[in-house]
Structures are given as C-alpha cells and as structure tokens.
Amino acid sequence: MISRVKVNGNYLETINEKGKRIKRSYYNGDFLGNSSEIVVVQDGNYIEVLNEDLKRISKSYHKFDRFLGASGDSFSIQDGNYAETLDAKGKRISRQYSK
C-alpha cells in the first residue's frame, strides 16, 4: 500500500505507511498524483498508471486540461468542460459536465 510518492529529480520512490521505500525507479515524465494503490504520471499526451512497484498497468492517450486527483484504483481529469473519471486501465467510468 502506497503512503506517498517521493520525486527526486527523474526518480520516483514509492514509500509505505511505515516510511520504508517500496521501489525506486527512473522516470522521465511528470508526476501527477497517487492514491493508495496507483501512481499516475504524464508523458506528453500519454497518461501512464503504475502500481506500487512502479510497473506499468496501462498507458493511454488523453488530451486533457488538468489532473484532478486519484482515489483507490481510479483517477479524474478535467477535459474542457467535462470531468472524467477513469479506472487504472484507462477506461472511462464516468463523464460529467462541470463549469
């Protein structure tokens, strides 16, 4: 279970609830956020979802305005006037209009 993710230059480190490092890996993209189960990173217009061992679960193409947050095995993004919730595989769960 991921407690937090530490970004150190181009390295990502997942840290558990006891403060011990789970895994450290080199990554050249931008860290967006994490939940207790997944880590979400951006590489250009691609969103990559990683597990606690920083192994890729999915990589999907999304043009979006901003990252909203992650919870459990899902995450949310803002795409124009719509807020989209996607699962860890990058499939859309819901899409709601928001101003």
Protein backbone atom coordinates (compact mmCIF):
# COMPACT_ATOMS: atom_id res chain seq x y z
CA MET A 1 0.00 0.00 0.00
CA ILE A 2 1.40 3.37 -1.05
CA SER A 3 1.55 6.06 1.60
CA ARG A 4 3.31 8.66 -0.52
CA VAL A 5 5.47 9.11 -3.60
CA LYS A 6 8.72 11.00 -3.41
CA VAL A 7 10.02 12.70 -6.56
CA ASN A 8 13.79 13.07 -6.59
CA GLY A 9 14.95 14.53 -9.91
CA ASN A 10 13.94 11.96 -12.53
CA TYR A 11 13.40 9.22 -9.94
CA LEU A 12 10.12 8.18 -8.36
CA GLU A 13 10.08 6.42 -5.00
CA THR A 14 7.02 4.76 -3.50
CA ILE A 15 7.00 4.79 0.29
CA ASN A 16 4.76 2.66 2.52
CA GLU A 17 2.95 3.67 5.71
CA LYS A 18 5.98 2.78 7.87
CA GLY A 19 8.26 5.10 5.89
CA LYS A 20 10.12 2.28 4.13
CA ARG A 21 10.85 2.52 0.42
CA ILE A 22 8.86 0.04 -1.67
CA LYS A 23 10.51 0.74 -5.01
CA ARG A 24 12.63 3.38 -6.73
CA SER A 25 12.58 3.78 -10.48
CA TYR A 26 13.81 6.20 -13.14
CA TYR A 27 11.02 8.03 -14.94
CA ASN A 28 11.32 10.91 -17.40
CA GLY A 29 7.69 12.14 -17.30
CA ASP A 30 5.74 14.37 -14.93
CA PHE A 31 4.30 13.03 -11.68
CA LEU A 32 0.59 13.88 -11.46
CA GLY A 33 -0.60 12.15 -8.31
CA ASN A 34 -1.08 8.94 -6.41
CA SER A 35 -3.56 7.00 -4.33
CA SER A 36 -3.01 4.05 -2.00
CA GLU A 37 -2.97 1.67 -4.99
CA ILE A 38 -1.75 3.54 -8.09
CA VAL A 39 0.70 6.21 -9.25
CA VAL A 40 -0.33 8.45 -12.17
CA VAL A 41 2.33 10.05 -14.39
CA GLN A 42 2.18 12.02 -17.65
CA ASP A 43 4.48 11.66 -20.62
CA GLY A 44 3.44 14.20 -23.26
CA ASN A 45 -0.22 13.47 -24.05
CA TYR A 46 0.00 9.98 -22.58
CA ILE A 47 -1.12 9.06 -19.08
CA GLU A 48 0.62 6.11 -17.50
CA VAL A 49 -0.76 4.31 -14.49
CA LEU A 50 1.80 2.46 -12.36
CA ASN A 51 1.37 0.06 -9.44
CA GLU A 52 3.22 0.28 -6.12
CA ASP A 53 6.25 -1.49 -7.64
CA LEU A 54 6.27 1.21 -10.37
CA LYS A 55 5.37 -1.34 -13.05
CA ARG A 56 3.10 -0.02 -15.79
CA ILE A 57 -0.55 -1.06 -15.53
CA SER A 58 -1.71 0.97 -18.53
CA LYS A 59 -0.71 3.72 -20.93
CA SER A 60 -3.43 5.69 -22.69
CA TYR A 61 -3.63 8.77 -24.89
CA HIS A 62 -5.62 11.65 -23.38
CA LYS A 63 -5.55 15.34 -24.20
CA PHE A 64 -6.70 16.98 -21.00
CA ASP A 65 -6.51 20.32 -19.26
CA ARG A 66 -5.60 19.27 -15.73
CA PHE A 67 -5.36 16.36 -13.35
CA LEU A 68 -7.96 16.42 -10.58
CA GLY A 69 -6.97 13.55 -8.29
CA ALA A 70 -6.66 9.83 -7.64
CA SER A 71 -8.54 7.55 -5.29
CA GLY A 72 -8.30 3.77 -4.98
CA ASP A 73 -7.71 2.38 -8.46
CA SER A 74 -9.27 5.32 -10.34
CA PHE A 75 -8.31 8.89 -11.17
CA SER A 76 -10.02 12.02 -12.52
CA ILE A 77 -9.03 14.54 -15.17
CA GLN A 78 -10.55 17.81 -16.46
CA ASP A 79 -11.14 17.77 -20.22
CA GLY A 80 -12.62 21.08 -21.34
CA ASN A 81 -15.94 21.49 -19.53
CA TYR A 82 -16.07 17.84 -18.53
CA ALA A 83 -14.68 15.98 -15.55
CA GLU A 84 -13.82 12.39 -16.45
CA THR A 85 -13.18 9.53 -14.07
CA LEU A 86 -11.04 6.72 -15.44
CA ASP A 87 -10.04 3.36 -13.97
CA ALA A 88 -6.49 2.02 -13.72
CA LYS A 89 -6.73 0.56 -17.25
CA GLY A 90 -7.55 3.99 -18.73
CA LYS A 91 -11.22 3.16 -19.44
CA ARG A 92 -13.78 5.89 -18.76
CA ILE A 93 -16.04 5.20 -15.76
CA SER A 94 -17.99 8.44 -15.86
CA ARG A 95 -18.06 11.83 -17.54
CA GLN A 96 -19.86 14.79 -16.03
CA TYR A 97 -20.37 18.34 -17.23
CA SER A 98 -18.78 20.93 -14.96
CA LYS A 99 -18.33 24.65 -15.42
